[in-house]
Amino acid sequence: MTGLRELKKLRTRRAIQEQALRLFLEKGYAATTVEEIAAAAEVSPATFFRYFPTKEDVVLSDEYDPLIERLLAERPADEPPVQRVRRALAAGFAQVYAADRDRLLTRVRLILDTPALRARLWENQLATQELLRRALGGREDTVEEALRTRLIAAGCVTAVVTALITWVETGGTADLPDLVDRALATLEAGFQDT
């Protein structure tokens, strides 16, 4: 259970991110300062930086990776790896999509439309790929096994990013959980053929 202190931190983090996204939409990413975000969220700039080390992080950061990691750990270890990811993400979407849909759409649009954010996206993708590689826990005793595990993790990240881009291109009208599931199903079929 989340304690009062952790709940207050989560609320502050959300308030900062919500105000930042609102200001980015109103003024543009480059024209919005950290000081303006902090004022809108009713925190100091120092508090902003305690939650987000950089202005880019206020758009790029989320709580999804720990959720995915936990959900993957709950899946049967003998389940095929892409299927484990598909089912974990389906469970994750069931928990957060309705509440986070609009915020996620805004964040992904900003990332795709803002060069500074797109440049940082690669770092986030690599971190998520590494998280998946560890969570899937594939054998890596040989170069071939390590390559396969890394390829599966990278393929899953690529499938999700491709689904996100497609979703944004539809203006958010397509069902993101369905797009992600279909992208991972296509990937899963490819790995079954090997």
N, C-alpha and C. Protein backbone atom coordinates (compact mmCIF):
# COMPACT_ATOMS: atom_id res chain seq x y z
N MET A 1 0.84 -1.18 0.00
CA MET A 1 0.00 0.00 0.00
C MET A 1 0.89 1.25 0.00
N THR A 2 0.48 2.25 -0.73
CA THR A 2 1.25 3.48 -0.83
C THR A 2 1.01 4.34 0.39
N GLY A 3 2.11 4.80 1.01
CA GLY A 3 2.01 5.66 2.17
C GLY A 3 1.64 7.08 1.76
N LEU A 4 1.29 7.88 2.75
CA LEU A 4 0.87 9.26 2.51
C LEU A 4 1.98 10.07 1.85
N ARG A 5 3.20 9.88 2.30
CA ARG A 5 4.33 10.62 1.73
C ARG A 5 4.53 10.29 0.24
N GLU A 6 4.47 9.00 -0.08
CA GLU A 6 4.64 8.57 -1.47
C GLU A 6 3.48 9.08 -2.33
N LEU A 7 2.28 9.09 -1.77
CA LEU A 7 1.12 9.59 -2.50
C LEU A 7 1.26 11.09 -2.79
N LYS A 8 1.78 11.83 -1.83
CA LYS A 8 1.99 13.27 -2.02
C LYS A 8 3.05 13.50 -3.11
N LYS A 9 4.11 12.70 -3.11
CA LYS A 9 5.15 12.82 -4.14
C LYS A 9 4.58 12.52 -5.51
N LEU A 10 3.75 11.48 -5.60
CA LEU A 10 3.14 11.12 -6.88
C LEU A 10 2.23 12.25 -7.38
N ARG A 11 1.45 12.84 -6.46
CA ARG A 11 0.58 13.95 -6.85
C ARG A 11 1.39 15.15 -7.34
N THR A 12 2.48 15.46 -6.65
CA THR A 12 3.33 16.58 -7.05
C THR A 12 3.94 16.31 -8.42
N ARG A 13 4.44 15.12 -8.61
CA ARG A 13 5.03 14.74 -9.89
C ARG A 13 4.01 14.86 -11.01
N ARG A 14 2.81 14.36 -10.77
CA ARG A 14 1.74 14.44 -11.78
C ARG A 14 1.36 15.89 -12.07
N ALA A 15 1.27 16.71 -11.01
CA ALA A 15 0.89 18.12 -11.20
C ALA A 15 1.93 18.85 -12.05
N ILE A 16 3.20 18.59 -11.77
CA ILE A 16 4.26 19.22 -12.56
C ILE A 16 4.14 18.78 -14.02
N GLN A 17 3.98 17.48 -14.24
CA GLN A 17 3.91 16.98 -15.61
C GLN A 17 2.66 17.51 -16.33
N GLU A 18 1.53 17.53 -15.66
CA GLU A 18 0.30 18.03 -16.28
C GLU A 18 0.44 19.50 -16.68
N GLN A 19 1.00 20.31 -15.79
CA GLN A 19 1.17 21.73 -16.10
C GLN A 19 2.18 21.92 -17.23
N ALA A 20 3.23 21.13 -17.22
CA ALA A 20 4.23 21.21 -18.29
C ALA A 20 3.59 20.87 -19.63
N LEU A 21 2.84 19.80 -19.68
CA LEU A 21 2.20 19.40 -20.95
C LEU A 21 1.22 20.47 -21.42
N ARG A 22 0.47 21.03 -20.48
CA ARG A 22 -0.47 22.10 -20.84
C ARG A 22 0.27 23.29 -21.43
N LEU A 23 1.35 23.71 -20.77
CA LEU A 23 2.13 24.85 -21.26
C LEU A 23 2.80 24.55 -22.59
N PHE A 24 3.31 23.34 -22.76
CA PHE A 24 3.95 22.97 -24.03
C PHE A 24 2.95 23.06 -25.17
N LEU A 25 1.73 22.63 -24.91
CA LEU A 25 0.69 22.71 -25.95
C LEU A 25 0.31 24.15 -26.24
N GLU A 26 0.24 24.97 -25.20
CA GLU A 26 -0.16 26.37 -25.37
C GLU A 26 0.94 27.22 -26.01
N LYS A 27 2.16 27.08 -25.50
CA LYS A 27 3.25 27.97 -25.89
C LYS A 27 4.29 27.33 -26.80
N GLY A 28 4.31 26.04 -26.83
CA GLY A 28 5.37 25.33 -27.54
C GLY A 28 6.42 24.88 -26.53
N TYR A 29 7.08 23.79 -26.88
CA TYR A 29 8.08 23.22 -25.98
C TYR A 29 9.24 24.18 -25.74
N ALA A 30 9.82 24.70 -26.82
CA ALA A 30 11.01 25.55 -26.70
C ALA A 30 10.71 26.86 -25.97
N ALA A 31 9.50 27.38 -26.12
CA ALA A 31 9.16 28.68 -25.52
C ALA A 31 8.77 28.58 -24.05
N THR A 32 8.61 27.39 -23.54
CA THR A 32 8.19 27.20 -22.14
C THR A 32 9.42 26.99 -21.27
N THR A 33 9.49 27.74 -20.17
CA THR A 33 10.64 27.62 -19.26
C THR A 33 10.28 26.74 -18.06
N VAL A 34 11.29 26.22 -17.42
CA VAL A 34 11.10 25.45 -16.20
C VAL A 34 10.45 26.33 -15.13
N GLU A 35 10.84 27.58 -15.08
CA GLU A 35 10.26 28.50 -14.09
C GLU A 35 8.76 28.64 -14.30
N GLU A 36 8.32 28.71 -15.55
CA GLU A 36 6.88 28.81 -15.84
C GLU A 36 6.15 27.53 -15.44
N ILE A 37 6.77 26.41 -15.70
CA ILE A 37 6.17 25.13 -15.33
C ILE A 37 6.03 25.05 -13.81
N ALA A 38 7.11 25.39 -13.10
CA ALA A 38 7.09 25.34 -11.64
C ALA A 38 6.01 26.26 -11.08
N ALA A 39 5.92 27.46 -11.60
CA ALA A 39 4.90 28.41 -11.12
C ALA A 39 3.50 27.86 -11.35
N ALA A 40 3.26 27.31 -12.53
CA ALA A 40 1.93 26.77 -12.85
C ALA A 40 1.58 25.59 -11.95
N ALA A 41 2.58 24.80 -11.57
CA ALA A 41 2.36 23.65 -10.70
C ALA A 41 2.42 24.02 -9.22
N GLU A 42 2.69 25.29 -8.94
CA GLU A 42 2.79 25.82 -7.58
C GLU A 42 3.87 25.13 -6.76
N VAL A 43 5.04 24.97 -7.43
CA VAL A 43 6.23 24.46 -6.76
C VAL A 43 7.40 25.36 -7.15
N SER A 44 8.50 25.21 -6.47
CA SER A 44 9.69 25.98 -6.81
C SER A 44 10.44 25.30 -7.95
N PRO A 45 11.29 26.05 -8.67
CA PRO A 45 12.13 25.39 -9.67
C PRO A 45 12.99 24.27 -9.07
N ALA A 46 13.45 24.46 -7.85
CA ALA A 46 14.24 23.40 -7.20
C ALA A 46 13.41 22.14 -7.03
N THR A 47 12.15 22.29 -6.68
CA THR A 47 11.26 21.12 -6.55
C THR A 47 11.07 20.46 -7.91
N PHE A 48 10.89 21.26 -8.95
CA PHE A 48 10.79 20.71 -10.31
C PHE A 48 11.98 19.79 -10.57
N PHE A 49 13.19 20.29 -10.29
CA PHE A 49 14.40 19.51 -10.60
C PHE A 49 14.58 18.31 -9.68
N ARG A 50 13.93 18.28 -8.52
CA ARG A 50 13.96 17.07 -7.69
C ARG A 50 13.16 15.95 -8.35
N TYR A 51 12.14 16.32 -9.07
CA TYR A 51 11.29 15.32 -9.73
C TYR A 51 11.74 15.01 -11.16
N PHE A 52 12.25 16.01 -11.85
CA PHE A 52 12.65 15.86 -13.24
C PHE A 52 14.01 16.54 -13.43
N PRO A 53 15.07 15.78 -13.68
CA PRO A 53 16.41 16.36 -13.80
C PRO A 53 16.55 17.39 -14.93
N THR A 54 15.73 17.24 -15.99
CA THR A 54 15.80 18.16 -17.12
C THR A 54 14.38 18.46 -17.60
N LYS A 55 14.26 19.48 -18.42
CA LYS A 55 12.96 19.80 -19.01
C LYS A 55 12.49 18.64 -19.90
N GLU A 56 13.39 17.99 -20.59
CA GLU A 56 13.01 16.86 -21.44
C GLU A 56 12.39 15.73 -20.62
N ASP A 57 12.91 15.52 -19.41
CA ASP A 57 12.42 14.43 -18.58
C ASP A 57 10.96 14.58 -18.18
N VAL A 58 10.46 15.81 -18.12
CA VAL A 58 9.06 16.00 -17.75
C VAL A 58 8.13 15.41 -18.81
N VAL A 59 8.60 15.30 -20.03
CA VAL A 59 7.82 14.67 -21.10
C VAL A 59 8.15 13.18 -21.21
N LEU A 60 9.42 12.84 -21.09
CA LEU A 60 9.87 11.47 -21.35
C LEU A 60 9.64 10.52 -20.17
N SER A 61 9.58 11.02 -18.96
CA SER A 61 9.47 10.16 -17.78
C SER A 61 8.04 9.70 -17.55
N ASP A 62 7.93 8.44 -17.14
CA ASP A 62 6.64 7.90 -16.73
C ASP A 62 6.87 6.75 -15.77
N GLU A 63 5.79 6.19 -15.29
CA GLU A 63 5.87 5.09 -14.32
C GLU A 63 5.65 3.74 -14.98
N TYR A 64 5.72 3.68 -16.31
CA TYR A 64 5.35 2.46 -17.01
C TYR A 64 6.39 1.35 -16.92
N ASP A 65 7.67 1.66 -16.98
CA ASP A 65 8.69 0.60 -16.95
C ASP A 65 8.61 -0.26 -15.69
N PRO A 66 8.51 0.34 -14.49
CA PRO A 66 8.39 -0.52 -13.30
C PRO A 66 7.12 -1.38 -13.32
N LEU A 67 6.04 -0.82 -13.86
CA LEU A 67 4.79 -1.59 -13.98
C LEU A 67 4.99 -2.77 -14.92
N ILE A 68 5.60 -2.53 -16.06
CA ILE A 68 5.86 -3.60 -17.03
C ILE A 68 6.76 -4.68 -16.42
N GLU A 69 7.79 -4.23 -15.72
CA GLU A 69 8.72 -5.18 -15.09
C GLU A 69 7.98 -6.08 -14.09
N ARG A 70 7.11 -5.47 -13.28
CA ARG A 70 6.35 -6.23 -12.29
C ARG A 70 5.40 -7.21 -12.98
N LEU A 71 4.70 -6.74 -14.02
CA LEU A 71 3.75 -7.60 -14.72
C LEU A 71 4.45 -8.75 -15.45
N LEU A 72 5.64 -8.49 -15.98
CA LEU A 72 6.41 -9.57 -16.61
C LEU A 72 6.83 -10.62 -15.58
N ALA A 73 7.20 -10.16 -14.39
CA ALA A 73 7.61 -11.09 -13.33
C ALA A 73 6.45 -11.98 -12.90
N GLU A 74 5.24 -11.49 -13.07
CA GLU A 74 4.05 -12.26 -12.68
C GLU A 74 3.64 -13.29 -13.73
N ARG A 75 4.19 -13.20 -14.94
CA ARG A 75 3.85 -14.13 -16.01
C ARG A 75 4.62 -15.44 -15.81
N PRO A 76 4.07 -16.55 -16.31
CA PRO A 76 4.78 -17.83 -16.20
C PRO A 76 6.13 -17.77 -16.93
N ALA A 77 7.16 -18.28 -16.31
CA ALA A 77 8.51 -18.22 -16.87
C ALA A 77 8.64 -19.06 -18.14
N ASP A 78 7.79 -20.08 -18.29
CA ASP A 78 7.90 -20.93 -19.48
C ASP A 78 7.07 -20.42 -20.66
N GLU A 79 6.42 -19.30 -20.49
CA GLU A 79 5.65 -18.70 -21.58
C GLU A 79 6.62 -18.17 -22.64
N PRO A 80 6.31 -18.31 -23.92
CA PRO A 80 7.20 -17.74 -24.95
C PRO A 80 7.41 -16.24 -24.70
N PRO A 81 8.62 -15.73 -24.91
CA PRO A 81 8.96 -14.38 -24.49
C PRO A 81 8.08 -13.26 -25.08
N VAL A 82 7.80 -13.28 -26.36
CA VAL A 82 6.98 -12.21 -26.93
C VAL A 82 5.56 -12.30 -26.39
N GLN A 83 5.08 -13.52 -26.19
CA GLN A 83 3.75 -13.70 -25.61
C GLN A 83 3.71 -13.15 -24.19
N ARG A 84 4.78 -13.35 -23.43
CA ARG A 84 4.86 -12.79 -22.07
C ARG A 84 4.74 -11.28 -22.12
N VAL A 85 5.45 -10.65 -23.06
CA VAL A 85 5.39 -9.20 -23.19
C VAL A 85 3.98 -8.77 -23.60
N ARG A 86 3.39 -9.44 -24.57
CA ARG A 86 2.03 -9.11 -25.03
C ARG A 86 1.05 -9.15 -23.86
N ARG A 87 1.09 -10.21 -23.11
CA ARG A 87 0.13 -10.36 -22.01
C ARG A 87 0.42 -9.39 -20.88
N ALA A 88 1.69 -9.12 -20.60
CA ALA A 88 2.02 -8.14 -19.57
C ALA A 88 1.56 -6.75 -19.98
N LEU A 89 1.78 -6.39 -21.24
CA LEU A 89 1.34 -5.07 -21.71
C LEU A 89 -0.18 -4.97 -21.74
N ALA A 90 -0.86 -6.04 -22.10
CA ALA A 90 -2.33 -6.03 -22.07
C ALA A 90 -2.82 -5.78 -20.65
N ALA A 91 -2.20 -6.43 -19.68
CA ALA A 91 -2.57 -6.21 -18.27
C ALA A 91 -2.24 -4.78 -17.84
N GLY A 92 -1.10 -4.26 -18.31
CA GLY A 92 -0.72 -2.89 -17.98
C GLY A 92 -1.70 -1.88 -18.55
N PHE A 93 -2.07 -2.06 -19.81
CA PHE A 93 -3.05 -1.16 -20.42
C PHE A 93 -4.37 -1.21 -19.67
N ALA A 94 -4.76 -2.41 -19.24
CA ALA A 94 -6.01 -2.53 -18.49
C ALA A 94 -5.98 -1.69 -17.21
N GLN A 95 -4.80 -1.52 -16.64
CA GLN A 95 -4.66 -0.76 -15.39
C GLN A 95 -4.57 0.74 -15.61
N VAL A 96 -3.94 1.18 -16.71
CA VAL A 96 -3.64 2.62 -16.82
C VAL A 96 -4.20 3.34 -18.05
N TYR A 97 -4.60 2.63 -19.07
CA TYR A 97 -4.91 3.30 -20.33
C TYR A 97 -6.06 4.30 -20.22
N ALA A 98 -7.14 3.93 -19.60
CA ALA A 98 -8.29 4.85 -19.52
C ALA A 98 -7.91 6.15 -18.83
N ALA A 99 -7.16 6.07 -17.75
CA ALA A 99 -6.78 7.27 -17.01
C ALA A 99 -5.66 8.05 -17.68
N ASP A 100 -4.75 7.37 -18.38
CA ASP A 100 -3.55 8.02 -18.93
C ASP A 100 -3.61 8.29 -20.43
N ARG A 101 -4.68 7.91 -21.10
CA ARG A 101 -4.75 7.99 -22.55
C ARG A 101 -4.41 9.37 -23.10
N ASP A 102 -5.08 10.41 -22.63
CA ASP A 102 -4.87 11.75 -23.17
C ASP A 102 -3.47 12.27 -22.87
N ARG A 103 -3.00 12.02 -21.67
CA ARG A 103 -1.64 12.45 -21.30
C ARG A 103 -0.60 11.73 -22.15
N LEU A 104 -0.81 10.43 -22.38
CA LEU A 104 0.12 9.66 -23.20
C LEU A 104 0.11 10.16 -24.64
N LEU A 105 -1.05 10.45 -25.18
CA LEU A 105 -1.15 10.97 -26.54
C LEU A 105 -0.41 12.29 -26.66
N THR A 106 -0.60 13.17 -25.70
CA THR A 106 0.09 14.46 -25.72
C THR A 106 1.60 14.27 -25.64
N ARG A 107 2.05 13.39 -24.75
CA ARG A 107 3.48 13.15 -24.59
C ARG A 107 4.10 12.60 -25.87
N VAL A 108 3.45 11.61 -26.48
CA VAL A 108 4.01 11.00 -27.69
C VAL A 108 4.03 12.01 -28.83
N ARG A 109 2.98 12.81 -28.96
CA ARG A 109 2.97 13.86 -30.00
C ARG A 109 4.13 14.82 -29.79
N LEU A 110 4.33 15.27 -28.55
CA LEU A 110 5.43 16.19 -28.27
C LEU A 110 6.78 15.57 -28.61
N ILE A 111 6.95 14.31 -28.24
CA ILE A 111 8.22 13.63 -28.51
C ILE A 111 8.48 13.56 -30.02
N LEU A 112 7.46 13.20 -30.77
CA LEU A 112 7.63 13.05 -32.22
C LEU A 112 7.84 14.39 -32.91
N ASP A 113 7.26 15.47 -32.35
CA ASP A 113 7.32 16.79 -32.99
C ASP A 113 8.47 17.67 -32.52
N THR A 114 9.20 17.26 -31.47
CA THR A 114 10.22 18.11 -30.87
C THR A 114 11.60 17.45 -31.01
N PRO A 115 12.49 18.05 -31.81
CA PRO A 115 13.80 17.43 -32.04
C PRO A 115 14.57 17.09 -30.76
N ALA A 116 14.56 17.96 -29.77
CA ALA A 116 15.30 17.68 -28.53
C ALA A 116 14.75 16.45 -27.82
N LEU A 117 13.45 16.25 -27.89
CA LEU A 117 12.84 15.08 -27.26
C LEU A 117 13.08 13.82 -28.07
N ARG A 118 13.00 13.93 -29.39
CA ARG A 118 13.28 12.76 -30.23
C ARG A 118 14.70 12.26 -30.01
N ALA A 119 15.63 13.18 -29.82
CA ALA A 119 17.02 12.79 -29.59
C ALA A 119 17.16 11.97 -28.31
N ARG A 120 16.39 12.32 -27.28
CA ARG A 120 16.45 11.60 -26.01
C ARG A 120 15.65 10.30 -26.02
N LEU A 121 14.75 10.16 -26.98
CA LEU A 121 13.91 8.98 -27.05
C LEU A 121 14.74 7.71 -27.17
N TRP A 122 15.82 7.77 -27.92
CA TRP A 122 16.68 6.60 -28.11
C TRP A 122 17.18 6.07 -26.77
N GLU A 123 17.60 6.97 -25.88
CA GLU A 123 18.06 6.56 -24.55
C GLU A 123 16.96 5.80 -23.81
N ASN A 124 15.75 6.33 -23.86
CA ASN A 124 14.63 5.67 -23.18
C ASN A 124 14.33 4.31 -23.78
N GLN A 125 14.40 4.21 -25.10
CA GLN A 125 14.15 2.93 -25.75
C GLN A 125 15.19 1.90 -25.34
N LEU A 126 16.45 2.32 -25.27
CA LEU A 126 17.50 1.39 -24.85
C LEU A 126 17.29 0.93 -23.42
N ALA A 127 16.86 1.85 -22.54
CA ALA A 127 16.61 1.48 -21.15
C ALA A 127 15.46 0.48 -21.05
N THR A 128 14.41 0.71 -21.82
CA THR A 128 13.27 -0.22 -21.82
C THR A 128 13.68 -1.56 -22.41
N GLN A 129 14.48 -1.53 -23.46
CA GLN A 129 14.98 -2.76 -24.06
C GLN A 129 15.78 -3.57 -23.05
N GLU A 130 16.63 -2.90 -22.30
CA GLU A 130 17.43 -3.59 -21.28
C GLU A 130 16.54 -4.16 -20.18
N LEU A 131 15.54 -3.40 -19.78
CA LEU A 131 14.58 -3.88 -18.78
C LEU A 131 13.90 -5.16 -19.27
N LEU A 132 13.45 -5.16 -20.53
CA LEU A 132 12.81 -6.35 -21.09
C LEU A 132 13.77 -7.52 -21.15
N ARG A 133 15.00 -7.25 -21.58
CA ARG A 133 16.00 -8.33 -21.67
C ARG A 133 16.18 -9.00 -20.31
N ARG A 134 16.33 -8.17 -19.27
CA ARG A 134 16.50 -8.73 -17.92
C ARG A 134 15.24 -9.45 -17.44
N ALA A 135 14.09 -8.82 -17.68
CA ALA A 135 12.83 -9.39 -17.19
C ALA A 135 12.49 -10.70 -17.89
N LEU A 136 12.83 -10.80 -19.16
CA LEU A 136 12.54 -12.04 -19.88
C LEU A 136 13.46 -13.17 -19.44
N GLY A 137 14.64 -12.81 -18.93
CA GLY A 137 15.53 -13.79 -18.33
C GLY A 137 15.91 -14.95 -19.22
N GLY A 138 16.04 -14.68 -20.49
CA GLY A 138 16.44 -15.74 -21.41
C GLY A 138 17.86 -16.23 -21.13
N ARG A 139 18.14 -17.41 -21.57
CA ARG A 139 19.51 -17.94 -21.42
C ARG A 139 20.44 -17.12 -22.29
N GLU A 140 21.58 -16.79 -21.75
CA GLU A 140 22.57 -16.03 -22.49
C GLU A 140 23.95 -16.64 -22.34
N ASP A 141 23.98 -17.99 -22.30
CA ASP A 141 25.24 -18.71 -22.12
C ASP A 141 26.12 -18.63 -23.36
N THR A 142 25.51 -18.45 -24.51
CA THR A 142 26.28 -18.37 -25.75
C THR A 142 25.96 -17.03 -26.42
N VAL A 143 26.77 -16.68 -27.38
CA VAL A 143 26.55 -15.45 -28.14
C VAL A 143 25.20 -15.52 -28.84
N GLU A 144 24.86 -16.70 -29.38
CA GLU A 144 23.59 -16.86 -30.10
C GLU A 144 22.40 -16.64 -29.16
N GLU A 145 22.48 -17.21 -27.93
CA GLU A 145 21.38 -17.04 -26.97
C GLU A 145 21.26 -15.58 -26.54
N ALA A 146 22.39 -14.94 -26.29
CA ALA A 146 22.37 -13.52 -25.88
C ALA A 146 21.80 -12.66 -27.00
N LEU A 147 22.20 -12.97 -28.23
CA LEU A 147 21.70 -12.21 -29.38
C LEU A 147 20.19 -12.39 -29.51
N ARG A 148 19.70 -13.61 -29.37
CA ARG A 148 18.26 -13.87 -29.47
C ARG A 148 17.48 -13.11 -28.40
N THR A 149 17.94 -13.15 -27.16
CA THR A 149 17.24 -12.45 -26.08
C THR A 149 17.22 -10.95 -26.34
N ARG A 150 18.34 -10.40 -26.76
CA ARG A 150 18.40 -8.96 -27.06
C ARG A 150 17.53 -8.61 -28.26
N LEU A 151 17.51 -9.48 -29.26
CA LEU A 151 16.69 -9.24 -30.44
C LEU A 151 15.20 -9.27 -30.09
N ILE A 152 14.80 -10.19 -29.25
CA ILE A 152 13.40 -10.25 -28.82
C ILE A 152 13.04 -8.97 -28.06
N ALA A 153 13.89 -8.55 -27.13
CA ALA A 153 13.62 -7.32 -26.37
C ALA A 153 13.55 -6.10 -27.30
N ALA A 154 14.51 -6.00 -28.22
CA ALA A 154 14.53 -4.87 -29.15
C ALA A 154 13.31 -4.91 -30.07
N GLY A 155 12.94 -6.09 -30.51
CA GLY A 155 11.77 -6.24 -31.38
C GLY A 155 10.50 -5.81 -30.67
N CYS A 156 10.38 -6.17 -29.40
CA CYS A 156 9.19 -5.77 -28.63
C CYS A 156 9.12 -4.26 -28.48
N VAL A 157 10.25 -3.63 -28.17
CA VAL A 157 10.28 -2.17 -28.04
C VAL A 157 9.92 -1.53 -29.38
N THR A 158 10.49 -2.02 -30.45
CA THR A 158 10.21 -1.48 -31.78
C THR A 158 8.73 -1.65 -32.14
N ALA A 159 8.16 -2.79 -31.82
CA ALA A 159 6.73 -3.02 -32.09
C ALA A 159 5.86 -2.02 -31.33
N VAL A 160 6.19 -1.78 -30.07
CA VAL A 160 5.41 -0.84 -29.26
C VAL A 160 5.57 0.58 -29.80
N VAL A 161 6.79 0.99 -30.12
CA VAL A 161 7.02 2.34 -30.65
C VAL A 161 6.29 2.51 -31.99
N THR A 162 6.33 1.50 -32.82
CA THR A 162 5.63 1.57 -34.11
C THR A 162 4.12 1.71 -33.88
N ALA A 163 3.58 0.99 -32.93
CA ALA A 163 2.15 1.12 -32.60
C ALA A 163 1.85 2.52 -32.08
N LEU A 164 2.73 3.07 -31.23
CA LEU A 164 2.54 4.43 -30.71
C LEU A 164 2.53 5.47 -31.84
N ILE A 165 3.46 5.35 -32.76
CA ILE A 165 3.53 6.29 -33.89
C ILE A 165 2.26 6.18 -34.74
N THR A 166 1.83 4.96 -35.01
CA THR A 166 0.61 4.75 -35.78
C THR A 166 -0.58 5.36 -35.06
N TRP A 167 -0.64 5.18 -33.75
CA TRP A 167 -1.73 5.72 -32.93
C TRP A 167 -1.77 7.25 -33.03
N VAL A 168 -0.61 7.88 -32.91
CA VAL A 168 -0.55 9.34 -33.00
C VAL A 168 -0.97 9.80 -34.39
N GLU A 169 -0.55 9.07 -35.41
CA GLU A 169 -0.93 9.42 -36.79
C GLU A 169 -2.43 9.36 -37.02
N THR A 170 -3.14 8.53 -36.23
CA THR A 170 -4.60 8.47 -36.34
C THR A 170 -5.26 9.55 -35.49
N GLY A 171 -4.44 10.39 -34.84
CA GLY A 171 -5.00 11.40 -33.94
C GLY A 171 -5.51 10.79 -32.65
N GLY A 172 -5.05 9.59 -32.35
CA GLY A 172 -5.49 8.92 -31.13
C GLY A 172 -6.84 8.24 -31.28
N THR A 173 -7.35 8.16 -32.52
CA THR A 173 -8.67 7.54 -32.70
C THR A 173 -8.61 6.02 -32.70
N ALA A 174 -7.48 5.46 -33.11
CA ALA A 174 -7.32 4.00 -33.06
C ALA A 174 -7.18 3.58 -31.59
N ASP A 175 -7.43 2.33 -31.33
CA ASP A 175 -7.30 1.80 -29.98
C ASP A 175 -5.85 1.37 -29.75
N LEU A 176 -5.13 2.12 -28.92
CA LEU A 176 -3.71 1.84 -28.70
C LEU A 176 -3.46 0.44 -28.17
N PRO A 177 -4.16 -0.03 -27.15
CA PRO A 177 -3.89 -1.41 -26.70
C PRO A 177 -4.03 -2.43 -27.82
N ASP A 178 -5.01 -2.23 -28.69
CA ASP A 178 -5.19 -3.15 -29.82
C ASP A 178 -4.03 -3.04 -30.80
N LEU A 179 -3.58 -1.81 -31.11
CA LEU A 179 -2.44 -1.63 -32.01
C LEU A 179 -1.19 -2.31 -31.46
N VAL A 180 -0.94 -2.12 -30.17
CA VAL A 180 0.24 -2.73 -29.55
C VAL A 180 0.13 -4.25 -29.60
N ASP A 181 -1.05 -4.77 -29.29
CA ASP A 181 -1.23 -6.22 -29.31
C ASP A 181 -1.03 -6.78 -30.71
N ARG A 182 -1.56 -6.09 -31.72
CA ARG A 182 -1.40 -6.56 -33.10
C ARG A 182 0.05 -6.49 -33.54
N ALA A 183 0.76 -5.43 -33.14
CA ALA A 183 2.17 -5.32 -33.51
C ALA A 183 2.98 -6.45 -32.86
N LEU A 184 2.70 -6.72 -31.59
CA LEU A 184 3.42 -7.80 -30.91
C LEU A 184 3.01 -9.18 -31.44
N ALA A 185 1.77 -9.33 -31.86
CA ALA A 185 1.33 -10.60 -32.45
C ALA A 185 2.10 -10.86 -33.74
N THR A 186 2.30 -9.82 -34.53
CA THR A 186 3.07 -9.96 -35.77
C THR A 186 4.50 -10.37 -35.45
N LEU A 187 5.08 -9.72 -34.45
CA LEU A 187 6.44 -10.07 -34.03
C LEU A 187 6.50 -11.50 -33.50
N GLU A 188 5.53 -11.86 -32.70
CA GLU A 188 5.48 -13.21 -32.12
C GLU A 188 5.42 -14.26 -33.23
N ALA A 189 4.63 -14.01 -34.25
CA ALA A 189 4.53 -14.95 -35.37
C ALA A 189 5.87 -15.10 -36.06
N GLY A 190 6.60 -14.01 -36.19
CA GLY A 190 7.92 -14.05 -36.82
C GLY A 190 8.91 -14.88 -36.02
N PHE A 191 8.86 -14.77 -34.70
CA PHE A 191 9.79 -15.55 -33.87
C PHE A 191 9.40 -17.01 -33.83
N GLN A 192 8.14 -17.35 -34.01
CA GLN A 192 7.73 -18.75 -34.06
C GLN A 192 8.23 -19.43 -35.31
N ASP A 193 8.43 -18.63 -36.35
CA ASP A 193 8.92 -19.20 -37.61
C ASP A 193 10.42 -19.52 -37.57
N THR A 194 11.14 -19.02 -36.55
CA THR A 194 12.58 -19.25 -36.49
C THR A 194 12.94 -20.40 -35.61
